[in-house]
């Protein structure tokens, strides 16, 4: 019998000066990353994914939003997830991105 797991949700999104720290409610695996991306991006569409870099224990998703470029990082073993600006102007827009993702 397979236990039923509740749907994954965003637990917190914390603004730091140079990145947004992302925490999900449940432990996740590399095969869950597409769902996690959908959860993060659902409130900020349209988002353009420019590149996915898949490693053994890490994935990096380069994306653009509101004319700026960001990187969504996942580290599987440490359960770390964060978003950083790809350049100085994008880094300055992290607070706006934070508000857009967390709006209800």
N, C-alpha and C. Protein backbone atom coordinates (compact mmCIF):
# COMPACT_ATOMS: atom_id res chain seq x y z
N UNK A 1 0.84 -1.18 0.00
CA UNK A 1 0.00 0.00 0.00
C UNK A 1 0.88 1.24 0.00
N UNK A 2 0.64 2.14 -0.91
CA UNK A 2 1.40 3.39 -1.00
C UNK A 2 0.73 4.45 -0.14
N UNK A 3 1.49 5.07 0.75
CA UNK A 3 0.90 6.14 1.55
C UNK A 3 0.57 7.33 0.65
N UNK A 4 -0.52 7.99 0.97
CA UNK A 4 -0.91 9.18 0.21
C UNK A 4 -0.19 10.37 0.82
N UNK A 5 0.57 11.07 -0.02
CA UNK A 5 1.28 12.25 0.48
C UNK A 5 0.50 13.49 0.10
N UNK A 6 0.41 14.43 1.00
CA UNK A 6 -0.29 15.67 0.67
C UNK A 6 0.46 16.44 -0.41
N UNK A 7 -0.25 17.29 -1.13
CA UNK A 7 0.42 18.05 -2.19
C UNK A 7 1.52 18.95 -1.64
N UNK A 8 2.54 19.11 -2.45
CA UNK A 8 3.67 19.97 -2.07
C UNK A 8 3.22 21.43 -2.07
N UNK A 9 3.75 22.20 -1.14
CA UNK A 9 3.45 23.64 -1.08
C UNK A 9 4.71 24.41 -0.71
N UNK A 10 4.65 25.68 -1.01
CA UNK A 10 5.71 26.59 -0.61
C UNK A 10 5.52 26.91 0.86
N UNK A 11 6.53 26.63 1.67
CA UNK A 11 6.44 26.95 3.10
C UNK A 11 6.86 28.39 3.36
N UNK A 12 7.99 28.80 2.76
CA UNK A 12 8.43 30.18 2.93
C UNK A 12 9.32 30.61 1.78
N UNK A 13 9.29 31.90 1.55
CA UNK A 13 10.16 32.54 0.57
C UNK A 13 10.73 33.75 1.28
N UNK A 14 12.02 33.73 1.54
CA UNK A 14 12.67 34.76 2.34
C UNK A 14 13.56 35.63 1.47
N UNK A 15 13.35 36.93 1.55
CA UNK A 15 14.17 37.87 0.79
C UNK A 15 15.48 38.12 1.51
N UNK A 16 16.58 37.97 0.79
CA UNK A 16 17.91 38.36 1.22
C UNK A 16 18.38 39.39 0.19
N UNK A 17 19.39 40.14 0.48
CA UNK A 17 19.84 41.18 -0.44
C UNK A 17 20.26 40.61 -1.80
N UNK A 18 20.88 39.43 -1.79
CA UNK A 18 21.40 38.88 -3.04
C UNK A 18 20.70 37.62 -3.53
N UNK A 19 19.66 37.17 -2.83
CA UNK A 19 18.92 35.98 -3.27
C UNK A 19 17.60 35.84 -2.52
N UNK A 20 16.75 34.96 -3.02
CA UNK A 20 15.52 34.57 -2.34
C UNK A 20 15.69 33.13 -1.89
N UNK A 21 15.53 32.87 -0.61
CA UNK A 21 15.64 31.52 -0.08
C UNK A 21 14.26 30.87 -0.11
N UNK A 22 14.18 29.68 -0.69
CA UNK A 22 12.92 28.98 -0.88
C UNK A 22 12.89 27.73 -0.02
N UNK A 23 11.80 27.54 0.73
CA UNK A 23 11.62 26.33 1.53
C UNK A 23 10.25 25.75 1.20
N UNK A 24 10.23 24.46 0.89
CA UNK A 24 8.98 23.76 0.63
C UNK A 24 8.56 22.98 1.87
N UNK A 25 7.27 22.67 1.97
CA UNK A 25 6.75 22.03 3.18
C UNK A 25 7.25 20.61 3.36
N UNK A 26 7.50 19.92 2.28
CA UNK A 26 7.88 18.52 2.37
C UNK A 26 9.24 18.27 1.73
N UNK A 27 9.87 17.19 2.16
CA UNK A 27 11.12 16.74 1.54
C UNK A 27 10.83 16.49 0.05
N UNK A 28 11.76 16.84 -0.79
CA UNK A 28 11.58 16.66 -2.23
C UNK A 28 12.79 15.96 -2.84
N UNK A 29 12.57 15.43 -4.04
CA UNK A 29 13.59 14.69 -4.77
C UNK A 29 13.77 15.33 -6.15
N UNK A 30 14.81 14.93 -6.83
CA UNK A 30 15.09 15.53 -8.13
C UNK A 30 13.92 15.34 -9.10
N UNK A 31 13.24 14.21 -9.02
CA UNK A 31 12.11 13.99 -9.93
C UNK A 31 10.91 14.89 -9.59
N UNK A 32 10.93 15.58 -8.46
CA UNK A 32 9.86 16.51 -8.08
C UNK A 32 10.11 17.94 -8.55
N UNK A 33 11.26 18.22 -9.12
CA UNK A 33 11.64 19.60 -9.42
C UNK A 33 10.68 20.27 -10.40
N UNK A 34 10.17 19.57 -11.38
CA UNK A 34 9.21 20.18 -12.31
C UNK A 34 7.98 20.69 -11.56
N UNK A 35 7.50 19.93 -10.61
CA UNK A 35 6.34 20.35 -9.80
C UNK A 35 6.71 21.57 -8.95
N UNK A 36 7.90 21.58 -8.39
CA UNK A 36 8.34 22.71 -7.57
C UNK A 36 8.45 23.98 -8.41
N UNK A 37 8.93 23.84 -9.62
CA UNK A 37 9.01 24.98 -10.54
C UNK A 37 7.61 25.52 -10.81
N UNK A 38 6.67 24.62 -11.06
CA UNK A 38 5.28 25.04 -11.31
C UNK A 38 4.72 25.80 -10.11
N UNK A 39 5.00 25.32 -8.91
CA UNK A 39 4.51 25.98 -7.69
C UNK A 39 5.09 27.40 -7.60
N UNK A 40 6.37 27.54 -7.84
CA UNK A 40 7.01 28.86 -7.73
C UNK A 40 6.55 29.82 -8.82
N UNK A 41 6.39 29.33 -10.04
CA UNK A 41 6.11 30.20 -11.17
C UNK A 41 4.62 30.45 -11.41
N UNK A 42 3.73 29.72 -10.76
CA UNK A 42 2.30 29.83 -11.06
C UNK A 42 1.76 31.24 -10.87
N UNK A 43 2.27 31.99 -9.90
CA UNK A 43 1.73 33.33 -9.64
C UNK A 43 2.46 34.44 -10.40
N UNK A 44 3.49 34.09 -11.16
CA UNK A 44 4.26 35.14 -11.84
C UNK A 44 4.32 34.94 -13.36
N UNK A 45 3.42 34.15 -13.89
CA UNK A 45 3.41 33.91 -15.33
C UNK A 45 3.15 35.22 -16.06
N UNK A 46 3.73 35.48 -17.21
CA UNK A 46 4.56 34.56 -17.98
C UNK A 46 6.03 34.58 -17.54
N UNK A 47 6.59 33.40 -17.50
CA UNK A 47 8.01 33.18 -17.23
C UNK A 47 8.57 32.42 -18.42
N UNK A 48 9.74 32.80 -18.86
CA UNK A 48 10.39 32.10 -19.95
C UNK A 48 11.60 31.35 -19.40
N UNK A 49 11.55 30.03 -19.49
CA UNK A 49 12.71 29.23 -19.09
C UNK A 49 13.68 29.22 -20.25
N UNK A 50 14.89 29.71 -19.98
CA UNK A 50 15.90 29.83 -21.03
C UNK A 50 16.82 28.63 -21.10
N UNK A 51 17.08 28.01 -19.94
CA UNK A 51 18.02 26.89 -19.93
C UNK A 51 17.83 26.09 -18.65
N UNK A 52 17.98 24.78 -18.77
CA UNK A 52 17.99 23.89 -17.60
C UNK A 52 19.32 23.16 -17.61
N UNK A 53 20.02 23.26 -16.50
CA UNK A 53 21.29 22.55 -16.34
C UNK A 53 21.07 21.50 -15.26
N UNK A 54 21.16 20.24 -15.65
CA UNK A 54 20.86 19.14 -14.74
C UNK A 54 22.14 18.41 -14.41
N UNK A 55 22.43 18.35 -13.10
CA UNK A 55 23.60 17.63 -12.61
C UNK A 55 23.16 16.46 -11.76
N UNK A 56 24.12 15.77 -11.19
CA UNK A 56 23.83 14.59 -10.37
C UNK A 56 23.01 14.93 -9.14
N UNK A 57 23.30 16.04 -8.49
CA UNK A 57 22.58 16.40 -7.27
C UNK A 57 22.16 17.87 -7.26
N UNK A 58 22.15 18.49 -8.43
CA UNK A 58 21.84 19.91 -8.50
C UNK A 58 21.19 20.22 -9.84
N UNK A 59 20.24 21.15 -9.82
CA UNK A 59 19.66 21.66 -11.07
C UNK A 59 19.62 23.17 -11.00
N UNK A 60 19.92 23.79 -12.13
CA UNK A 60 19.87 25.24 -12.26
C UNK A 60 18.92 25.56 -13.42
N UNK A 61 17.97 26.44 -13.16
CA UNK A 61 17.00 26.83 -14.15
C UNK A 61 17.18 28.33 -14.42
N UNK A 62 17.67 28.67 -15.60
CA UNK A 62 17.79 30.08 -15.98
C UNK A 62 16.45 30.51 -16.56
N UNK A 63 15.90 31.63 -16.05
CA UNK A 63 14.60 32.08 -16.53
C UNK A 63 14.56 33.60 -16.59
N UNK A 64 13.62 34.08 -17.39
CA UNK A 64 13.41 35.52 -17.45
C UNK A 64 11.99 35.82 -16.99
N UNK A 65 11.86 36.96 -16.32
CA UNK A 65 10.58 37.44 -15.81
C UNK A 65 10.64 38.96 -15.79
N UNK A 66 9.62 39.59 -16.30
CA UNK A 66 9.52 41.05 -16.32
C UNK A 66 10.76 41.70 -16.94
N UNK A 67 11.30 41.06 -17.97
CA UNK A 67 12.44 41.63 -18.68
C UNK A 67 13.78 41.47 -17.98
N UNK A 68 13.84 40.67 -16.93
CA UNK A 68 15.08 40.45 -16.19
C UNK A 68 15.38 38.97 -16.12
N UNK A 69 16.63 38.65 -15.80
CA UNK A 69 17.10 37.26 -15.85
C UNK A 69 17.53 36.78 -14.47
N UNK A 70 17.08 35.56 -14.14
CA UNK A 70 17.31 34.97 -12.83
C UNK A 70 17.75 33.52 -12.98
N UNK A 71 18.25 32.96 -11.88
CA UNK A 71 18.60 31.55 -11.83
C UNK A 71 17.91 30.94 -10.61
N UNK A 72 17.14 29.88 -10.84
CA UNK A 72 16.52 29.11 -9.79
C UNK A 72 17.41 27.89 -9.55
N UNK A 73 17.91 27.75 -8.34
CA UNK A 73 18.87 26.70 -8.01
C UNK A 73 18.24 25.68 -7.07
N UNK A 74 18.48 24.40 -7.34
CA UNK A 74 18.06 23.31 -6.47
C UNK A 74 19.29 22.47 -6.13
N UNK A 75 19.51 22.20 -4.85
CA UNK A 75 20.52 21.25 -4.40
C UNK A 75 19.79 20.15 -3.65
N UNK A 76 19.79 18.97 -4.21
CA UNK A 76 18.97 17.89 -3.72
C UNK A 76 19.40 17.42 -2.33
N UNK A 77 20.68 17.12 -2.12
CA UNK A 77 21.12 16.53 -0.85
C UNK A 77 20.89 17.46 0.34
N UNK A 78 21.09 18.74 0.15
CA UNK A 78 20.90 19.69 1.26
C UNK A 78 19.48 20.24 1.32
N UNK A 79 18.63 19.85 0.33
CA UNK A 79 17.26 20.36 0.23
C UNK A 79 17.25 21.88 0.13
N UNK A 80 18.25 22.44 -0.52
CA UNK A 80 18.37 23.88 -0.67
C UNK A 80 17.76 24.32 -2.00
N UNK A 81 17.09 25.44 -1.94
CA UNK A 81 16.52 26.04 -3.14
C UNK A 81 16.60 27.54 -2.98
N UNK A 82 17.07 28.24 -4.01
CA UNK A 82 17.15 29.69 -3.95
C UNK A 82 17.12 30.27 -5.35
N UNK A 83 16.74 31.55 -5.41
CA UNK A 83 16.67 32.29 -6.66
C UNK A 83 17.65 33.45 -6.55
N UNK A 84 18.45 33.64 -7.58
CA UNK A 84 19.37 34.78 -7.60
C UNK A 84 19.27 35.50 -8.94
N UNK A 85 19.59 36.77 -8.92
CA UNK A 85 19.63 37.54 -10.14
C UNK A 85 20.84 37.16 -10.97
N UNK A 86 20.68 37.18 -12.27
CA UNK A 86 21.79 36.82 -13.15
C UNK A 86 22.72 38.00 -13.39
N UNK A 87 22.23 39.21 -13.07
CA UNK A 87 23.05 40.41 -13.22
C UNK A 87 22.63 41.40 -12.15
N UNK A 88 23.29 42.52 -12.07
CA UNK A 88 23.01 43.51 -11.04
C UNK A 88 21.59 44.06 -11.07
N UNK A 89 21.08 44.35 -12.26
CA UNK A 89 19.72 44.88 -12.36
C UNK A 89 18.68 43.85 -11.92
N UNK A 90 18.91 42.60 -12.28
CA UNK A 90 17.99 41.54 -11.86
C UNK A 90 18.05 41.32 -10.36
N UNK A 91 19.25 41.39 -9.79
CA UNK A 91 19.39 41.25 -8.34
C UNK A 91 18.62 42.35 -7.62
N UNK A 92 18.63 43.55 -8.17
CA UNK A 92 17.88 44.66 -7.57
C UNK A 92 16.37 44.42 -7.64
N UNK A 93 15.92 43.56 -8.54
CA UNK A 93 14.49 43.29 -8.70
C UNK A 93 14.01 42.11 -7.83
N UNK A 94 14.90 41.52 -7.04
CA UNK A 94 14.52 40.36 -6.23
C UNK A 94 13.39 40.67 -5.25
N UNK A 95 13.37 41.86 -4.66
CA UNK A 95 12.29 42.21 -3.73
C UNK A 95 10.94 42.22 -4.45
N UNK A 96 10.91 42.73 -5.68
CA UNK A 96 9.69 42.75 -6.47
C UNK A 96 9.26 41.34 -6.84
N UNK A 97 10.22 40.50 -7.22
CA UNK A 97 9.94 39.10 -7.52
C UNK A 97 9.38 38.40 -6.28
N UNK A 98 9.96 38.67 -5.12
CA UNK A 98 9.48 38.09 -3.87
C UNK A 98 8.02 38.44 -3.65
N UNK A 99 7.68 39.69 -3.80
CA UNK A 99 6.29 40.13 -3.60
C UNK A 99 5.35 39.48 -4.61
N UNK A 100 5.78 39.35 -5.84
CA UNK A 100 4.95 38.74 -6.87
C UNK A 100 4.66 37.27 -6.58
N UNK A 101 5.67 36.54 -6.13
CA UNK A 101 5.48 35.12 -5.84
C UNK A 101 4.60 34.91 -4.61
N UNK A 102 4.75 35.75 -3.61
CA UNK A 102 4.04 35.55 -2.34
C UNK A 102 2.68 36.22 -2.26
N UNK A 103 2.29 36.98 -3.27
CA UNK A 103 0.98 37.64 -3.21
C UNK A 103 -0.14 36.60 -3.16
N UNK A 104 -1.17 36.92 -2.48
CA UNK A 104 -2.30 35.98 -2.34
C UNK A 104 -3.42 36.37 -3.27
